[in-house]
Amino acid sequence: MKHNIIQALITVLIVLSAAQSCDAQKLMNSSRSIIGYIEDGSVRSSSRSTVGYFEDKKVMSSSRSIIGYYEDGKVMGSNRSILGYIENGRVMGSSRSIRGYVEDGKVLDSSRSIIGYYEGVLPSQAALYFFFFFN
């Protein structure tokens, strides 16, 4: 009996923590189907396989090779050349032309039409994830 109660509690905790991480950090396309997740520094596809990592100011592939950097609003390639900017809710190309916006859980293109949503993810991470759609 005692063993069953402990096992049931562990199962409930695992289900709750999985549900919280799934619901809290989803990235969705404009039709609200899930295209990925960001959790515990990992960037995951909709199948929850790891496609990359966020670590400090580095953006890394699943093999942990550095593919870019994000710092002080700048998105940079692995050679630290500036690819674009994310600041004040705007996603901009290297020429500082506006490619899109991030606001209220939505990612918008430059015409302000919705290309995706994020829930429970920092806007800078969501914008960084979606930035590659703009380029």
N, C-alpha and C. Protein backbone atom coordinates (compact mmCIF):
# COMPACT_ATOMS: atom_id res chain seq x y z
N MET A 1 0.83 -1.19 0.00
CA MET A 1 0.00 0.00 0.00
C MET A 1 0.87 1.25 0.00
N LYS A 2 1.85 1.29 0.93
CA LYS A 2 2.73 2.45 1.02
C LYS A 2 3.49 2.66 -0.29
N HIS A 3 3.97 1.55 -0.87
CA HIS A 3 4.71 1.59 -2.14
C HIS A 3 3.83 2.17 -3.26
N ASN A 4 2.54 1.75 -3.31
CA ASN A 4 1.62 2.22 -4.34
C ASN A 4 1.36 3.72 -4.22
N ILE A 5 1.23 4.21 -2.99
CA ILE A 5 0.99 5.64 -2.77
C ILE A 5 2.20 6.46 -3.22
N ILE A 6 3.40 6.01 -2.88
CA ILE A 6 4.62 6.72 -3.28
C ILE A 6 4.75 6.70 -4.81
N GLN A 7 4.49 5.55 -5.41
CA GLN A 7 4.56 5.44 -6.86
C GLN A 7 3.53 6.36 -7.52
N ALA A 8 2.32 6.42 -6.96
CA ALA A 8 1.28 7.29 -7.50
C ALA A 8 1.69 8.75 -7.39
N LEU A 9 2.28 9.15 -6.25
CA LEU A 9 2.73 10.54 -6.08
C LEU A 9 3.83 10.89 -7.07
N ILE A 10 4.77 9.99 -7.26
CA ILE A 10 5.86 10.23 -8.22
C ILE A 10 5.28 10.39 -9.62
N THR A 11 4.34 9.51 -9.99
CA THR A 11 3.71 9.59 -11.30
C THR A 11 3.00 10.92 -11.48
N VAL A 12 2.25 11.35 -10.47
CA VAL A 12 1.54 12.64 -10.54
C VAL A 12 2.52 13.78 -10.71
N LEU A 13 3.61 13.77 -9.95
CA LEU A 13 4.61 14.83 -10.06
C LEU A 13 5.25 14.87 -11.44
N ILE A 14 5.55 13.71 -12.00
CA ILE A 14 6.14 13.66 -13.34
C ILE A 14 5.16 14.20 -14.37
N VAL A 15 3.90 13.78 -14.28
CA VAL A 15 2.88 14.25 -15.22
C VAL A 15 2.68 15.75 -15.09
N LEU A 16 2.61 16.26 -13.85
CA LEU A 16 2.43 17.69 -13.64
C LEU A 16 3.61 18.49 -14.17
N SER A 17 4.84 18.04 -13.89
CA SER A 17 5.99 18.80 -14.37
C SER A 17 6.08 18.75 -15.88
N ALA A 18 5.73 17.61 -16.50
CA ALA A 18 5.74 17.51 -17.96
C ALA A 18 4.67 18.41 -18.56
N ALA A 19 3.49 18.42 -17.94
CA ALA A 19 2.40 19.26 -18.44
C ALA A 19 2.75 20.73 -18.32
N GLN A 20 3.38 21.11 -17.21
CA GLN A 20 3.74 22.51 -17.03
C GLN A 20 4.77 22.93 -18.06
N SER A 21 5.79 22.10 -18.31
CA SER A 21 6.82 22.50 -19.26
C SER A 21 6.26 22.52 -20.68
N CYS A 22 5.36 21.58 -21.02
CA CYS A 22 4.75 21.58 -22.35
C CYS A 22 3.90 22.81 -22.55
N ASP A 23 3.01 23.08 -21.60
CA ASP A 23 2.08 24.18 -21.75
C ASP A 23 2.78 25.52 -21.61
N ALA A 24 3.81 25.57 -20.81
CA ALA A 24 4.41 26.87 -20.49
C ALA A 24 5.36 27.39 -21.56
N GLN A 25 5.94 26.49 -22.38
CA GLN A 25 6.99 26.97 -23.26
C GLN A 25 6.80 26.47 -24.69
N LYS A 26 5.64 26.71 -25.25
CA LYS A 26 5.35 26.26 -26.60
C LYS A 26 5.62 27.36 -27.62
N LEU A 27 6.08 26.96 -28.80
CA LEU A 27 6.20 27.84 -29.94
C LEU A 27 5.27 27.29 -31.01
N MET A 28 4.38 28.12 -31.51
CA MET A 28 3.37 27.64 -32.45
C MET A 28 3.35 28.48 -33.71
N ASN A 29 2.94 27.88 -34.83
CA ASN A 29 2.80 28.65 -36.05
C ASN A 29 1.47 29.40 -36.01
N SER A 30 1.15 30.08 -37.10
CA SER A 30 -0.04 30.94 -37.09
C SER A 30 -1.34 30.18 -36.90
N SER A 31 -1.35 28.89 -37.25
CA SER A 31 -2.56 28.09 -37.03
C SER A 31 -2.59 27.48 -35.63
N ARG A 32 -1.59 27.85 -34.82
CA ARG A 32 -1.46 27.42 -33.44
C ARG A 32 -1.10 25.93 -33.30
N SER A 33 -0.58 25.33 -34.36
CA SER A 33 -0.04 23.98 -34.19
C SER A 33 1.39 24.12 -33.69
N ILE A 34 1.81 23.22 -32.84
CA ILE A 34 3.10 23.34 -32.16
C ILE A 34 4.24 23.03 -33.14
N ILE A 35 5.19 23.97 -33.23
CA ILE A 35 6.36 23.74 -34.07
C ILE A 35 7.61 23.52 -33.23
N GLY A 36 7.52 23.82 -31.94
CA GLY A 36 8.69 23.58 -31.10
C GLY A 36 8.48 24.00 -29.67
N TYR A 37 9.50 23.77 -28.87
CA TYR A 37 9.49 24.09 -27.44
C TYR A 37 10.83 24.69 -27.06
N ILE A 38 10.82 25.51 -26.03
CA ILE A 38 12.05 25.97 -25.41
C ILE A 38 11.92 25.67 -23.94
N GLU A 39 12.84 24.84 -23.43
CA GLU A 39 12.80 24.52 -22.01
C GLU A 39 14.17 24.14 -21.51
N ASP A 40 14.48 24.64 -20.33
CA ASP A 40 15.75 24.34 -19.67
C ASP A 40 16.95 24.57 -20.59
N GLY A 41 16.89 25.64 -21.38
CA GLY A 41 18.01 25.97 -22.27
C GLY A 41 18.05 25.20 -23.56
N SER A 42 17.10 24.26 -23.76
CA SER A 42 17.07 23.48 -24.99
C SER A 42 16.02 24.02 -25.95
N VAL A 43 16.32 23.95 -27.23
CA VAL A 43 15.35 24.26 -28.28
C VAL A 43 14.95 22.91 -28.86
N ARG A 44 13.66 22.61 -28.84
CA ARG A 44 13.21 21.29 -29.27
C ARG A 44 12.19 21.42 -30.39
N SER A 45 12.18 20.42 -31.24
CA SER A 45 11.19 20.38 -32.31
C SER A 45 9.84 19.96 -31.73
N SER A 46 8.82 19.91 -32.56
CA SER A 46 7.50 19.51 -32.08
C SER A 46 7.49 18.08 -31.58
N SER A 47 8.43 17.26 -32.07
CA SER A 47 8.52 15.87 -31.58
C SER A 47 9.34 15.79 -30.29
N ARG A 48 9.76 16.95 -29.79
CA ARG A 48 10.54 17.09 -28.56
C ARG A 48 11.98 16.58 -28.69
N SER A 49 12.44 16.34 -29.92
CA SER A 49 13.86 16.03 -30.09
C SER A 49 14.64 17.34 -30.03
N THR A 50 15.81 17.31 -29.47
CA THR A 50 16.60 18.52 -29.27
C THR A 50 17.22 18.95 -30.59
N VAL A 51 16.97 20.20 -30.97
CA VAL A 51 17.57 20.74 -32.19
C VAL A 51 18.67 21.75 -31.88
N GLY A 52 18.70 22.20 -30.63
CA GLY A 52 19.73 23.15 -30.27
C GLY A 52 19.63 23.58 -28.82
N TYR A 53 20.48 24.52 -28.45
CA TYR A 53 20.55 24.98 -27.07
C TYR A 53 20.75 26.49 -27.02
N PHE A 54 20.24 27.11 -25.97
CA PHE A 54 20.57 28.48 -25.60
C PHE A 54 21.44 28.36 -24.36
N GLU A 55 22.60 28.96 -24.35
CA GLU A 55 23.45 28.90 -23.18
C GLU A 55 24.19 30.22 -23.06
N ASP A 56 23.91 30.94 -21.99
CA ASP A 56 24.46 32.28 -21.81
C ASP A 56 24.13 33.09 -23.06
N LYS A 57 25.15 33.51 -23.80
CA LYS A 57 24.91 34.33 -25.00
C LYS A 57 25.08 33.51 -26.27
N LYS A 58 25.24 32.18 -26.13
CA LYS A 58 25.49 31.33 -27.28
C LYS A 58 24.22 30.61 -27.73
N VAL A 59 24.11 30.41 -29.03
CA VAL A 59 23.07 29.58 -29.61
C VAL A 59 23.80 28.41 -30.27
N MET A 60 23.48 27.19 -29.85
CA MET A 60 24.23 26.02 -30.32
C MET A 60 23.32 25.00 -30.98
N SER A 61 23.89 24.25 -31.91
CA SER A 61 23.16 23.17 -32.55
C SER A 61 23.04 22.01 -31.57
N SER A 62 22.35 20.95 -31.98
CA SER A 62 22.17 19.80 -31.08
C SER A 62 23.50 19.13 -30.76
N SER A 63 24.50 19.29 -31.63
CA SER A 63 25.83 18.73 -31.34
C SER A 63 26.66 19.67 -30.48
N ARG A 64 26.04 20.77 -30.05
CA ARG A 64 26.63 21.79 -29.20
C ARG A 64 27.76 22.58 -29.88
N SER A 65 27.76 22.58 -31.22
CA SER A 65 28.67 23.49 -31.92
C SER A 65 27.98 24.85 -32.00
N ILE A 66 28.73 25.91 -31.89
CA ILE A 66 28.14 27.25 -31.84
C ILE A 66 27.69 27.67 -33.23
N ILE A 67 26.40 28.01 -33.35
CA ILE A 67 25.88 28.51 -34.62
C ILE A 67 25.62 30.00 -34.58
N GLY A 68 25.66 30.58 -33.39
CA GLY A 68 25.44 32.01 -33.29
C GLY A 68 25.46 32.50 -31.86
N TYR A 69 25.22 33.79 -31.74
CA TYR A 69 25.22 34.46 -30.44
C TYR A 69 24.04 35.41 -30.38
N TYR A 70 23.58 35.66 -29.18
CA TYR A 70 22.57 36.68 -28.96
C TYR A 70 23.00 37.47 -27.74
N GLU A 71 23.30 38.74 -27.94
CA GLU A 71 23.68 39.57 -26.80
C GLU A 71 23.37 41.03 -27.09
N ASP A 72 22.90 41.70 -26.06
CA ASP A 72 22.57 43.12 -26.16
C ASP A 72 21.68 43.43 -27.36
N GLY A 73 20.71 42.55 -27.62
CA GLY A 73 19.76 42.78 -28.70
C GLY A 73 20.26 42.39 -30.08
N LYS A 74 21.52 41.96 -30.19
CA LYS A 74 22.08 41.61 -31.49
C LYS A 74 22.04 40.09 -31.70
N VAL A 75 21.65 39.67 -32.91
CA VAL A 75 21.72 38.28 -33.31
C VAL A 75 22.93 38.15 -34.22
N MET A 76 23.88 37.29 -33.85
CA MET A 76 25.12 37.18 -34.60
C MET A 76 25.37 35.76 -35.05
N GLY A 77 26.04 35.61 -36.18
CA GLY A 77 26.45 34.30 -36.66
C GLY A 77 27.59 33.78 -35.82
N SER A 78 28.03 32.55 -36.11
CA SER A 78 29.10 31.94 -35.32
C SER A 78 30.40 32.74 -35.41
N ASN A 79 30.57 33.51 -36.50
CA ASN A 79 31.77 34.35 -36.64
C ASN A 79 31.56 35.74 -36.04
N ARG A 80 30.42 35.87 -35.32
CA ARG A 80 30.05 37.10 -34.63
C ARG A 80 29.70 38.25 -35.57
N SER A 81 29.44 37.95 -36.84
CA SER A 81 28.94 38.99 -37.75
C SER A 81 27.46 39.20 -37.43
N ILE A 82 26.99 40.42 -37.50
CA ILE A 82 25.62 40.74 -37.10
C ILE A 82 24.64 40.31 -38.19
N LEU A 83 23.71 39.46 -37.81
CA LEU A 83 22.65 39.02 -38.71
C LEU A 83 21.42 39.90 -38.56
N GLY A 84 21.23 40.43 -37.36
CA GLY A 84 20.07 41.26 -37.12
C GLY A 84 19.97 41.68 -35.67
N TYR A 85 18.85 42.26 -35.34
CA TYR A 85 18.63 42.82 -34.01
C TYR A 85 17.25 42.44 -33.51
N ILE A 86 17.14 42.31 -32.21
CA ILE A 86 15.85 42.12 -31.54
C ILE A 86 15.81 43.16 -30.44
N GLU A 87 14.96 44.15 -30.58
CA GLU A 87 14.89 45.18 -29.54
C GLU A 87 13.53 45.85 -29.54
N ASN A 88 13.06 46.14 -28.34
CA ASN A 88 11.78 46.81 -28.15
C ASN A 88 10.64 46.18 -28.94
N GLY A 89 10.62 44.85 -28.97
CA GLY A 89 9.54 44.15 -29.65
C GLY A 89 9.69 44.06 -31.15
N ARG A 90 10.79 44.58 -31.70
CA ARG A 90 11.00 44.52 -33.15
C ARG A 90 12.06 43.50 -33.50
N VAL A 91 11.88 42.82 -34.62
CA VAL A 91 12.88 41.91 -35.16
C VAL A 91 13.38 42.55 -36.44
N MET A 92 14.67 42.89 -36.47
CA MET A 92 15.22 43.65 -37.59
C MET A 92 16.37 42.91 -38.25
N GLY A 93 16.54 43.13 -39.54
CA GLY A 93 17.67 42.58 -40.26
C GLY A 93 18.93 43.36 -39.94
N SER A 94 20.06 42.94 -40.51
CA SER A 94 21.33 43.61 -40.22
C SER A 94 21.33 45.06 -40.67
N SER A 95 20.49 45.39 -41.65
CA SER A 95 20.39 46.79 -42.11
C SER A 95 19.45 47.60 -41.23
N ARG A 96 18.94 46.94 -40.18
CA ARG A 96 17.98 47.53 -39.23
C ARG A 96 16.62 47.79 -39.86
N SER A 97 16.35 47.16 -41.01
CA SER A 97 14.99 47.22 -41.57
C SER A 97 14.13 46.24 -40.77
N ILE A 98 12.90 46.59 -40.53
CA ILE A 98 12.04 45.77 -39.68
C ILE A 98 11.56 44.55 -40.45
N ARG A 99 11.85 43.38 -39.89
CA ARG A 99 11.40 42.11 -40.46
C ARG A 99 10.13 41.63 -39.75
N GLY A 100 9.97 42.06 -38.51
CA GLY A 100 8.81 41.60 -37.77
C GLY A 100 8.75 42.17 -36.37
N TYR A 101 7.80 41.67 -35.60
CA TYR A 101 7.54 42.14 -34.25
C TYR A 101 7.26 40.97 -33.32
N VAL A 102 7.52 41.19 -32.06
CA VAL A 102 7.17 40.22 -31.02
C VAL A 102 6.37 40.97 -29.98
N GLU A 103 5.13 40.57 -29.76
CA GLU A 103 4.32 41.26 -28.76
C GLU A 103 3.18 40.39 -28.26
N ASP A 104 2.93 40.48 -26.97
CA ASP A 104 1.80 39.80 -26.34
C ASP A 104 1.68 38.34 -26.74
N GLY A 105 2.81 37.62 -26.76
CA GLY A 105 2.77 36.21 -27.07
C GLY A 105 2.67 35.89 -28.54
N LYS A 106 2.77 36.92 -29.42
CA LYS A 106 2.66 36.70 -30.85
C LYS A 106 3.95 37.11 -31.55
N VAL A 107 4.25 36.42 -32.65
CA VAL A 107 5.35 36.80 -33.54
C VAL A 107 4.70 37.23 -34.84
N LEU A 108 4.97 38.47 -35.26
CA LEU A 108 4.33 39.04 -36.45
C LEU A 108 5.38 39.36 -37.50
N ASP A 109 4.99 39.30 -38.77
CA ASP A 109 5.92 39.73 -39.81
C ASP A 109 5.84 41.26 -39.93
N SER A 110 6.57 41.83 -40.89
CA SER A 110 6.65 43.29 -40.98
C SER A 110 5.31 43.94 -41.31
N SER A 111 4.39 43.17 -41.92
CA SER A 111 3.05 43.71 -42.21
C SER A 111 2.11 43.54 -41.02
N ARG A 112 2.66 43.01 -39.93
CA ARG A 112 1.94 42.77 -38.68
C ARG A 112 0.94 41.62 -38.77
N SER A 113 1.08 40.75 -39.77
CA SER A 113 0.25 39.55 -39.79
C SER A 113 0.96 38.49 -38.94
N ILE A 114 0.20 37.66 -38.27
CA ILE A 114 0.75 36.70 -37.31
C ILE A 114 1.39 35.52 -38.04
N ILE A 115 2.65 35.25 -37.69
CA ILE A 115 3.29 34.05 -38.24
C ILE A 115 3.46 32.99 -37.15
N GLY A 116 3.28 33.38 -35.90
CA GLY A 116 3.40 32.39 -34.84
C GLY A 116 3.07 32.93 -33.47
N TYR A 117 3.09 32.04 -32.50
CA TYR A 117 2.79 32.37 -31.11
C TYR A 117 3.83 31.72 -30.21
N TYR A 118 4.01 32.30 -29.04
CA TYR A 118 4.84 31.66 -28.03
C TYR A 118 4.12 31.78 -26.70
N GLU A 119 4.27 30.79 -25.86
CA GLU A 119 3.62 30.80 -24.55
C GLU A 119 4.65 30.44 -23.51
N GLY A 120 4.88 31.33 -22.58
CA GLY A 120 5.78 31.05 -21.47
C GLY A 120 7.25 31.11 -21.83
N VAL A 121 7.58 31.60 -23.01
CA VAL A 121 8.97 31.72 -23.44
C VAL A 121 9.33 33.19 -23.42
N LEU A 122 10.56 33.50 -23.05
CA LEU A 122 10.99 34.90 -23.09
C LEU A 122 10.84 35.43 -24.50
N PRO A 123 10.33 36.65 -24.67
CA PRO A 123 10.18 37.20 -26.01
C PRO A 123 11.47 37.19 -26.83
N SER A 124 12.61 37.42 -26.18
CA SER A 124 13.87 37.42 -26.92
C SER A 124 14.19 36.03 -27.46
N GLN A 125 13.86 34.97 -26.71
CA GLN A 125 14.10 33.61 -27.19
C GLN A 125 13.14 33.27 -28.32
N ALA A 126 11.88 33.67 -28.16
CA ALA A 126 10.90 33.41 -29.22
C ALA A 126 11.30 34.13 -30.49
N ALA A 127 11.69 35.40 -30.35
CA ALA A 127 12.09 36.18 -31.53
C ALA A 127 13.32 35.56 -32.17
N LEU A 128 14.25 35.09 -31.35
CA LEU A 128 15.47 34.46 -31.88
C LEU A 128 15.11 33.19 -32.64
N TYR A 129 14.17 32.42 -32.09
CA TYR A 129 13.74 31.17 -32.73
C TYR A 129 13.07 31.48 -34.07
N PHE A 130 12.19 32.47 -34.07
CA PHE A 130 11.47 32.83 -35.28
C PHE A 130 12.30 33.69 -36.23
N PHE A 131 13.41 34.24 -35.74
CA PHE A 131 14.22 35.14 -36.56
C PHE A 131 14.63 34.48 -37.86
N PHE A 132 14.86 33.18 -37.81
CA PHE A 132 15.31 32.49 -39.00
C PHE A 132 14.21 32.38 -40.05
N PHE A 133 12.94 32.55 -39.65
CA PHE A 133 11.88 32.64 -40.63
C PHE A 133 11.95 33.95 -41.40
N PHE A 134 12.47 34.98 -40.75
CA PHE A 134 12.56 36.29 -41.40
C PHE A 134 13.73 36.36 -42.37
N ASN A 135 14.76 35.57 -42.17
CA ASN A 135 15.94 35.64 -43.03
C ASN A 135 15.85 34.67 -44.19
